[in-house]
Structures are given as structure tokens and as C-alpha cells.
Amino acid sequence: MTGGPVHVPPADRDRFLTVFYPALQRALPVRSSDGSVELPEVLPPQLCVHVEHAAGHRVRLTWSVRYRAGDSVRQVPLASPGGAADAVRDLAAEDRVLRALPEPPDRLLRMWRVAPKAGPMPVAELSGVDAAVLTTDFLPRLADAGVLVEVTGSRRSSGGRTPSRWSRCRPPTAGTPTGSTWASR
């Protein structure tokens, strides 16, 4: 594909590199013709689950997807099947990540979509034994599969501590950049 150069005003540079460049880079090769612009590395999307423990052995799960282009990080809510594409999201890559997730234990299937596309419900609430199975069995498997897991609130089984192999994330606010609140895995 050929065309003339794209000139981005300095005031729009950050927005271009974080919102438009990743989608453009997925569609066609992008380069700086004179080397004056350093183009950031665009990483594949990564799933994140925020698990909030509440009184009465209840937990609330909120799923999101993290996008990184260079130092910029965007976090967006998990898309519903058939969700509309936008400039930030790579729904095909999200689908590949979702298909690679381990299946939940049978008793947790109600928080999981099975058709038309398998994967977690964007928001789910569990209680009692289901919450315990999630915490002791499924969350470690998700973390091992590369999902960023954040646990907040008190967990009786671990004294409120989060296992060190779990990374930190926070619930998304509709596509807003998360800045430096992400911890590395």
C-alpha cells in the first residue's frame, strides 16, 4: 500500500501513538521515513481480572483487556461477543487470548460463556464454596496462563495477602489510559 506521508501535529502526537498507531500498525507497515519519530512497540492484548472480596464469602470479578504501546497502557472492559471494533481494540487478538484460557472448574461454569464464543462473563459474582474454588483453584491457573490478577479485600485463606506471582491491575474506566498503575509481571 502506498500513499503520502501522514503528518501529525505535535499537540496530537501522544494521542496518535496510543490510539491510532496500534490499529494502523496492525493493518499495514508503519515507519518513520526520515527516522525522526521513534515508533513504540505494540504488544498483544493481555487479560486482566479484578477480584474483589466482600463480607459473607462473596467475590466480584471484573474482566478487562490491557493494551500497551511503548510506555502507554490502555485498559478497556472485556468486550461482549460480537462487540463493535474501535481504534483501540484488536478483537481478533482478544479472541485468541480468550480461547487460550484454561476452562474453569465445573461449579464455576455459570460465570463462563460457552456459546457462541467461550470465555468469562465481563462481570460475575460468586459466593460460598464457589468463591473458595475460584480463589484456591482457578485464579492460580489463570495467573499461570498469563492473566493479570488483582485481588482486593480480605481473603480468609491467605490472611488478605496476594500471592506474589499475581500482578496488579485495576478495574477499567472505558478506555482511559492507566498510566503507571500497572505493575510488571
Protein backbone atom coordinates (compact mmCIF):
# COMPACT_ATOMS: atom_id res chain seq x y z
CA MET A 1 0.00 0.00 0.00
CA THR A 2 1.42 3.36 -0.92
CA GLY A 3 0.42 6.87 -0.12
CA GLY A 4 1.77 10.14 1.01
CA PRO A 5 3.22 10.76 4.42
CA VAL A 6 0.95 11.32 7.39
CA HIS A 7 1.81 14.48 9.29
CA VAL A 8 0.75 14.52 12.93
CA PRO A 9 0.79 17.89 14.71
CA PRO A 10 2.96 17.87 17.85
CA ALA A 11 -0.09 18.51 20.03
CA ASP A 12 -1.70 15.28 18.72
CA ARG A 13 1.41 13.07 18.84
CA ASP A 14 0.61 11.20 22.08
CA ARG A 15 -2.99 10.55 21.05
CA PHE A 16 -1.88 9.33 17.61
CA LEU A 17 0.72 6.95 19.06
CA THR A 18 -1.61 5.49 21.72
CA VAL A 19 -4.95 5.37 19.90
CA PHE A 20 -4.42 5.30 16.14
CA TYR A 21 -0.90 3.95 15.61
CA PRO A 22 -1.56 0.48 17.15
CA ALA A 23 -4.53 -0.12 14.82
CA LEU A 24 -2.66 1.27 11.85
CA GLN A 25 0.38 -0.87 12.65
CA ARG A 26 -1.85 -3.99 12.77
CA ALA A 27 -3.18 -3.20 9.28
CA LEU A 28 -0.01 -2.23 7.42
CA PRO A 29 3.69 -1.49 7.88
CA VAL A 30 4.32 1.89 9.50
CA ARG A 31 7.69 3.61 9.58
CA SER A 32 9.23 7.00 10.04
CA SER A 33 10.58 7.90 6.60
CA ASP A 34 13.40 10.00 8.00
CA GLY A 35 13.84 8.24 11.34
CA SER A 36 12.78 11.33 13.28
CA VAL A 37 9.90 9.57 15.04
CA GLU A 38 10.50 6.66 17.37
CA LEU A 39 7.54 4.33 16.95
CA PRO A 40 6.62 2.40 20.11
CA GLU A 41 6.46 -1.38 20.32
CA VAL A 42 2.84 -2.56 20.28
CA LEU A 43 2.27 -5.61 22.49
CA PRO A 44 -0.60 -8.07 22.10
CA PRO A 45 -3.61 -7.56 24.38
CA GLN A 46 -3.46 -9.13 27.84
CA LEU A 47 -6.41 -10.17 30.00
CA CYS A 48 -6.84 -8.80 33.49
CA VAL A 49 -9.27 -9.88 36.19
CA HIS A 50 -10.01 -7.78 39.27
CA VAL A 51 -11.31 -9.92 42.14
CA GLU A 52 -12.94 -8.00 44.97
CA HIS A 53 -13.61 -9.94 48.18
CA ALA A 54 -16.60 -8.82 50.23
CA ALA A 55 -18.20 -9.85 53.51
CA GLY A 56 -20.03 -13.15 53.63
CA HIS A 57 -17.52 -15.07 51.49
CA ARG A 58 -18.54 -13.20 48.32
CA VAL A 59 -16.35 -12.14 45.41
CA ARG A 60 -16.97 -9.93 42.40
CA LEU A 61 -14.92 -10.45 39.24
CA THR A 62 -14.44 -7.71 36.67
CA TRP A 63 -12.61 -8.65 33.47
CA SER A 64 -10.74 -6.22 31.26
CA VAL A 65 -8.14 -6.17 28.50
CA ARG A 66 -4.85 -4.31 28.71
CA TYR A 67 -3.21 -2.80 25.63
CA ARG A 68 0.35 -1.49 25.67
CA ALA A 69 2.09 0.66 23.07
CA GLY A 70 5.51 1.70 24.35
CA ASP A 71 5.05 3.25 27.80
CA SER A 72 1.36 3.90 27.22
CA VAL A 73 -1.15 1.46 28.69
CA ARG A 74 -4.87 1.41 27.99
CA GLN A 75 -7.32 -0.78 29.83
CA VAL A 76 -10.77 -1.47 28.42
CA PRO A 77 -13.66 -3.62 29.67
CA LEU A 78 -13.86 -7.12 28.25
CA ALA A 79 -15.91 -6.98 25.04
CA SER A 80 -19.14 -8.90 24.69
CA PRO A 81 -19.25 -11.47 21.88
CA GLY A 82 -19.91 -9.66 18.62
CA GLY A 83 -18.87 -6.36 20.19
CA ALA A 84 -18.10 -3.43 17.95
CA ALA A 85 -14.49 -2.83 16.98
CA ASP A 86 -12.84 0.51 17.66
CA ALA A 87 -9.46 2.07 17.06
CA VAL A 88 -8.01 0.74 20.33
CA ARG A 89 -9.15 -2.87 20.29
CA ASP A 90 -7.87 -5.85 18.36
CA LEU A 91 -10.89 -8.14 18.76
CA ALA A 92 -9.28 -10.98 16.79
CA ALA A 93 -6.27 -10.97 19.15
CA GLU A 94 -8.59 -10.73 22.17
CA ASP A 95 -10.47 -13.76 20.86
CA ARG A 96 -7.21 -15.74 20.53
CA VAL A 97 -6.27 -14.86 24.12
CA LEU A 98 -9.72 -15.88 25.37
CA ARG A 99 -9.59 -19.21 23.52
CA ALA A 100 -6.25 -19.99 25.21
CA LEU A 101 -7.67 -19.62 28.73
CA PRO A 102 -8.00 -22.72 30.88
CA GLU A 103 -11.56 -23.94 31.39
CA PRO A 104 -13.00 -23.21 34.82
CA PRO A 105 -13.97 -25.99 37.22
CA ASP A 106 -17.50 -27.31 36.55
CA ARG A 107 -19.01 -25.49 39.51
CA LEU A 108 -17.82 -22.14 38.10
CA LEU A 109 -19.26 -22.61 34.61
CA ARG A 110 -22.09 -20.15 35.36
CA MET A 111 -19.53 -17.32 35.22
CA TRP A 112 -18.34 -18.54 31.81
CA ARG A 113 -19.91 -18.16 28.37
CA VAL A 114 -19.86 -21.33 26.33
CA ALA A 115 -21.50 -20.18 23.09
CA PRO A 116 -21.12 -18.63 20.64
CA LYS A 117 -17.63 -17.84 21.95
CA ALA A 118 -16.30 -19.32 25.16
CA GLY A 119 -14.83 -17.04 27.78
CA PRO A 120 -15.55 -15.28 31.04
CA MET A 121 -18.58 -13.10 31.64
CA PRO A 122 -17.38 -9.46 31.79
CA VAL A 123 -18.67 -9.20 35.40
CA ALA A 124 -19.61 -12.06 37.71
CA GLU A 125 -20.36 -12.56 41.40
CA LEU A 126 -19.71 -15.72 43.37
CA SER A 127 -20.21 -16.72 46.99
CA GLY A 128 -19.53 -19.51 49.46
CA VAL A 129 -17.85 -22.63 48.13
CA ASP A 130 -17.80 -21.18 44.59
CA ALA A 131 -15.73 -18.24 45.85
CA ALA A 132 -13.35 -20.63 47.61
CA VAL A 133 -12.93 -22.78 44.48
CA LEU A 134 -12.26 -19.64 42.45
CA THR A 135 -9.62 -18.41 44.89
CA THR A 136 -7.82 -21.68 45.57
CA ASP A 137 -8.14 -23.46 42.22
CA PHE A 138 -8.99 -21.22 39.30
CA LEU A 139 -7.20 -17.92 40.00
CA PRO A 140 -3.77 -19.61 40.23
CA ARG A 141 -4.46 -21.37 36.90
CA LEU A 142 -5.44 -18.06 35.31
CA ALA A 143 -2.27 -16.40 36.62
CA ASP A 144 -0.19 -19.28 35.27
CA ALA A 145 -1.88 -18.75 31.87
CA GLY A 146 -0.71 -15.11 31.80
CA VAL A 147 -3.83 -13.35 33.09
CA LEU A 148 -3.05 -10.34 35.26
CA VAL A 149 -4.86 -10.98 38.55
CA GLU A 150 -5.61 -8.40 41.23
CA VAL A 151 -7.22 -9.39 44.47
CA THR A 152 -8.59 -6.76 46.84
CA GLY A 153 -10.38 -7.17 50.13
CA SER A 154 -9.77 -9.74 52.82
CA ARG A 155 -9.31 -13.40 51.93
CA ARG A 156 -9.57 -15.79 54.87
CA SER A 157 -7.46 -18.45 53.15
CA SER A 158 -4.41 -16.22 52.73
CA GLY A 159 -4.79 -13.69 55.51
CA GLY A 160 -5.51 -10.94 52.98
CA ARG A 161 -2.21 -11.37 51.15
CA THR A 162 -1.96 -11.63 47.39
CA PRO A 163 0.37 -14.34 46.08
CA SER A 164 3.50 -12.70 44.68
CA ARG A 165 3.12 -14.23 41.20
CA TRP A 166 -0.10 -12.27 40.68
CA SER A 167 0.21 -8.89 39.06
CA ARG A 168 -1.74 -5.77 39.82
CA CYS A 169 -4.40 -4.21 37.68
CA ARG A 170 -7.46 -2.12 38.38
CA PRO A 171 -10.99 -2.16 37.02
CA PRO A 172 -11.16 -0.30 33.70
CA THR A 173 -12.80 3.01 33.09
CA ALA A 174 -13.94 2.74 29.47
CA GLY A 175 -10.70 3.05 27.55
CA THR A 176 -8.89 5.57 29.70
CA PRO A 177 -5.10 5.24 29.89
CA THR A 178 -4.00 3.66 33.14
CA GLY A 179 -0.59 5.29 33.26
CA SER A 180 1.87 3.79 35.69
CA THR A 181 -0.61 1.96 37.94
CA TRP A 182 0.31 -1.36 36.34
CA ALA A 183 2.94 -3.46 37.99
CA SER A 184 5.18 -5.64 35.89
CA ARG A 185 4.79 -9.36 35.98
